[in-house]
Amino acid sequence: MGQTLPKPALRPFLAADTPVLAAIFVASIEELTGDDYNEAQQEAWASAADDEEQFGKRLAGELTLIATLRNAPVGFAALKGADHIDMLYVHPSAARQGVASMLCEALEKLAGGRGVKSLTVDASDNAQEFFSKRGYVAKQRNTVTINGEWLANTTMQKTLADGAAPGGPK
């Protein structure tokens, strides 16, 4: 086993974070989704970060949290509106180390604290298992077209517990 990393810290998104978050977004898609999406699909998906200014505006327009290790961003998650997880991406070097769980749990707590009863997410095929383990249930299968490429995802929903911290203690 490799050495244990320090626990990630969370902080809000700042406009200056846009370039590094765009890089995390692209690296995550390129390195973590190859079992479920072909190269053309990955390139189309990752193209959402090509226009960094637009990507930054999207992040700024949502409730975006950044996970950091040693003050360096390693992942981010964005809540669109009150009840939809729009983005959840972790750099491949920090994958499977609790970063995504920490980000997701934070969004669940924030939404629950605002009185939201359930959260939805359009989970990519490679993220479905992650969300299932967190109590999200598949509701419908979707196909989206990005730059002429068809990509599949699944709308999933989780009912948030009243007054209890979603996900429970670790």
Protein backbone atom coordinates (compact mmCIF):
# COMPACT_ATOMS: atom_id res chain seq x y z
CA MET A 1 0.00 0.00 0.00
CA GLY A 2 1.09 3.55 -0.67
CA GLN A 3 1.48 6.10 2.04
CA THR A 4 -1.69 7.49 3.56
CA LEU A 5 -2.54 10.96 2.34
CA PRO A 6 -3.65 13.67 4.75
CA LYS A 7 -7.39 14.23 4.95
CA PRO A 8 -8.61 16.59 2.23
CA ALA A 9 -9.83 20.04 3.21
CA LEU A 10 -12.81 21.80 1.62
CA ARG A 11 -13.13 25.39 0.53
CA PRO A 12 -15.35 27.43 -1.78
CA PHE A 13 -14.54 28.02 -5.45
CA LEU A 14 -12.58 31.11 -6.42
CA ALA A 15 -12.35 32.42 -10.00
CA ALA A 16 -8.56 31.89 -9.88
CA ASP A 17 -9.22 28.14 -9.50
CA THR A 18 -10.67 27.82 -13.01
CA PRO A 19 -7.50 26.67 -14.85
CA VAL A 20 -6.62 23.96 -12.32
CA LEU A 21 -10.24 22.74 -12.11
CA ALA A 22 -10.43 22.58 -15.90
CA ALA A 23 -7.27 20.44 -15.84
CA ILE A 24 -8.75 18.16 -13.13
CA PHE A 25 -11.97 17.84 -15.18
CA VAL A 26 -10.08 16.81 -18.33
CA ALA A 27 -7.64 14.46 -16.54
CA SER A 28 -10.50 12.77 -14.70
CA ILE A 29 -12.41 12.13 -17.93
CA GLU A 30 -9.33 11.00 -19.88
CA GLU A 31 -7.91 8.69 -17.21
CA LEU A 32 -10.91 7.38 -15.26
CA THR A 33 -13.68 6.80 -17.83
CA GLY A 34 -11.97 4.63 -20.47
CA ASP A 35 -13.83 1.46 -19.45
CA ASP A 36 -17.20 3.07 -20.18
CA TYR A 37 -16.62 5.64 -22.92
CA ASN A 38 -14.52 5.55 -26.11
CA GLU A 39 -11.88 8.13 -26.98
CA ALA A 40 -14.18 10.22 -29.19
CA GLN A 41 -16.79 10.33 -26.40
CA GLN A 42 -14.15 11.30 -23.83
CA GLU A 43 -12.84 14.10 -26.07
CA ALA A 44 -16.36 15.45 -26.63
CA TRP A 45 -17.11 15.33 -22.89
CA ALA A 46 -13.79 16.96 -21.92
CA SER A 47 -14.37 19.74 -24.48
CA ALA A 48 -16.66 21.44 -21.93
CA ALA A 49 -13.45 22.81 -20.39
CA ASP A 50 -11.97 24.05 -23.70
CA ASP A 51 -13.45 27.52 -23.16
CA GLU A 52 -11.97 28.20 -19.74
CA GLU A 53 -13.92 31.44 -19.29
CA GLN A 54 -17.25 29.67 -19.87
CA PHE A 55 -16.17 26.76 -17.65
CA GLY A 56 -15.33 29.24 -14.88
CA LYS A 57 -18.69 30.99 -15.28
CA ARG A 58 -20.46 27.63 -14.96
CA LEU A 59 -18.58 26.87 -11.72
CA ALA A 60 -19.17 30.38 -10.36
CA GLY A 61 -22.90 30.13 -11.13
CA GLU A 62 -23.28 27.05 -8.95
CA LEU A 63 -22.36 26.16 -5.38
CA THR A 64 -18.90 24.77 -6.11
CA LEU A 65 -16.69 23.22 -3.44
CA ILE A 66 -13.04 22.35 -3.89
CA ALA A 67 -11.22 19.54 -2.12
CA THR A 68 -7.55 20.27 -1.44
CA LEU A 69 -4.61 18.20 -0.25
CA ARG A 70 -1.71 20.23 1.10
CA ASN A 71 -3.54 23.35 -0.19
CA ALA A 72 -3.58 22.05 -3.78
CA PRO A 73 -6.94 21.35 -5.46
CA VAL A 74 -7.49 17.62 -6.15
CA GLY A 75 -11.22 17.58 -6.83
CA PHE A 76 -14.40 19.61 -7.00
CA ALA A 77 -18.16 19.27 -6.88
CA ALA A 78 -20.92 21.65 -7.92
CA LEU A 79 -24.55 21.87 -6.82
CA LYS A 80 -26.83 23.33 -9.50
CA GLY A 81 -29.91 24.96 -8.07
CA ALA A 82 -30.94 23.58 -4.72
CA ASP A 83 -31.03 19.88 -5.50
CA HIS A 84 -28.90 18.71 -8.45
CA ILE A 85 -25.26 17.61 -8.31
CA ASP A 86 -24.01 18.97 -11.62
CA MET A 87 -20.32 18.04 -11.41
CA LEU A 88 -18.15 15.80 -9.24
CA TYR A 89 -14.59 15.26 -10.48
CA VAL A 90 -11.41 14.08 -8.76
CA HIS A 91 -7.90 14.12 -10.18
CA PRO A 92 -6.78 10.56 -11.05
CA SER A 93 -3.84 10.81 -8.61
CA ALA A 94 -6.34 11.31 -5.74
CA ALA A 95 -9.03 8.87 -6.94
CA ARG A 96 -10.39 6.23 -4.55
CA GLN A 97 -9.02 8.02 -1.49
CA GLY A 98 -12.24 9.48 -0.11
CA VAL A 99 -12.11 12.83 -1.92
CA ALA A 100 -15.31 12.28 -3.93
CA SER A 101 -17.11 10.93 -0.86
CA MET A 102 -16.11 13.99 1.15
CA LEU A 103 -17.29 16.36 -1.60
CA CYS A 104 -20.57 14.51 -2.08
CA GLU A 105 -21.25 14.37 1.64
CA ALA A 106 -20.63 18.11 1.95
CA LEU A 107 -23.12 18.86 -0.85
CA GLU A 108 -25.68 16.52 0.76
CA LYS A 109 -25.28 18.26 4.13
CA LEU A 110 -25.53 21.74 2.59
CA ALA A 111 -28.63 20.80 0.60
CA GLY A 112 -30.23 19.07 3.60
CA GLY A 113 -29.47 22.10 5.77
CA ARG A 114 -31.37 24.22 3.25
CA GLY A 115 -34.43 22.00 3.58
CA VAL A 116 -33.93 19.99 0.38
CA LYS A 117 -35.61 16.57 0.66
CA SER A 118 -33.72 14.81 -2.14
CA LEU A 119 -30.79 15.27 -4.49
CA THR A 120 -30.44 14.16 -8.10
CA VAL A 121 -27.39 13.54 -10.25
CA ASP A 122 -26.91 12.53 -13.88
CA ALA A 123 -24.22 9.95 -13.17
CA SER A 124 -21.81 8.83 -15.85
CA ASP A 125 -21.56 5.07 -16.27
CA ASN A 126 -18.29 4.98 -14.35
CA ALA A 127 -19.78 6.99 -11.44
CA GLN A 128 -22.97 4.97 -11.02
CA GLU A 129 -21.50 2.50 -8.53
CA PHE A 130 -20.10 5.37 -6.42
CA PHE A 131 -23.52 7.02 -6.17
CA SER A 132 -25.32 3.68 -5.59
CA LYS A 133 -23.07 3.02 -2.57
CA ARG A 134 -24.09 6.43 -1.21
CA GLY A 135 -27.79 5.57 -1.40
CA TYR A 136 -28.68 7.04 -4.80
CA VAL A 137 -31.24 5.06 -6.79
CA ALA A 138 -31.35 4.92 -10.59
CA LYS A 139 -34.46 6.65 -11.96
CA GLN A 140 -33.92 6.85 -15.71
CA ARG A 141 -31.35 6.23 -18.42
CA ASN A 142 -30.35 9.19 -20.61
CA THR A 143 -28.37 9.85 -23.75
CA VAL A 144 -26.85 13.25 -24.41
CA THR A 145 -25.14 14.52 -27.54
CA ILE A 146 -21.95 16.54 -27.16
CA ASN A 147 -20.13 17.68 -30.31
CA GLY A 148 -21.81 14.94 -32.34
CA GLU A 149 -20.96 12.15 -29.86
CA TRP A 150 -23.63 10.22 -27.94
CA LEU A 151 -22.92 9.67 -24.25
CA ALA A 152 -25.08 7.71 -21.83
CA ASN A 153 -25.72 8.54 -18.19
CA THR A 154 -28.27 7.70 -15.53
CA THR A 155 -30.38 10.09 -13.49
CA MET A 156 -30.12 8.96 -9.87
CA GLN A 157 -31.86 10.30 -6.77
CA LYS A 158 -31.20 10.15 -3.04
CA THR A 159 -33.70 11.02 -0.33
CA LEU A 160 -31.94 13.02 2.36
CA ALA A 161 -32.52 12.06 5.98
CA ASP A 162 -34.42 14.58 8.08
CA GLY A 163 -32.10 16.17 10.63
CA ALA A 164 -29.41 13.49 10.25
CA ALA A 165 -26.13 13.92 8.47
CA PRO A 166 -26.34 12.05 5.15
CA GLY A 167 -23.75 9.32 4.87
CA GLY A 168 -23.41 8.93 8.63
CA PRO A 169 -20.17 8.96 10.63
CA LYS A 170 -16.96 7.65 9.12
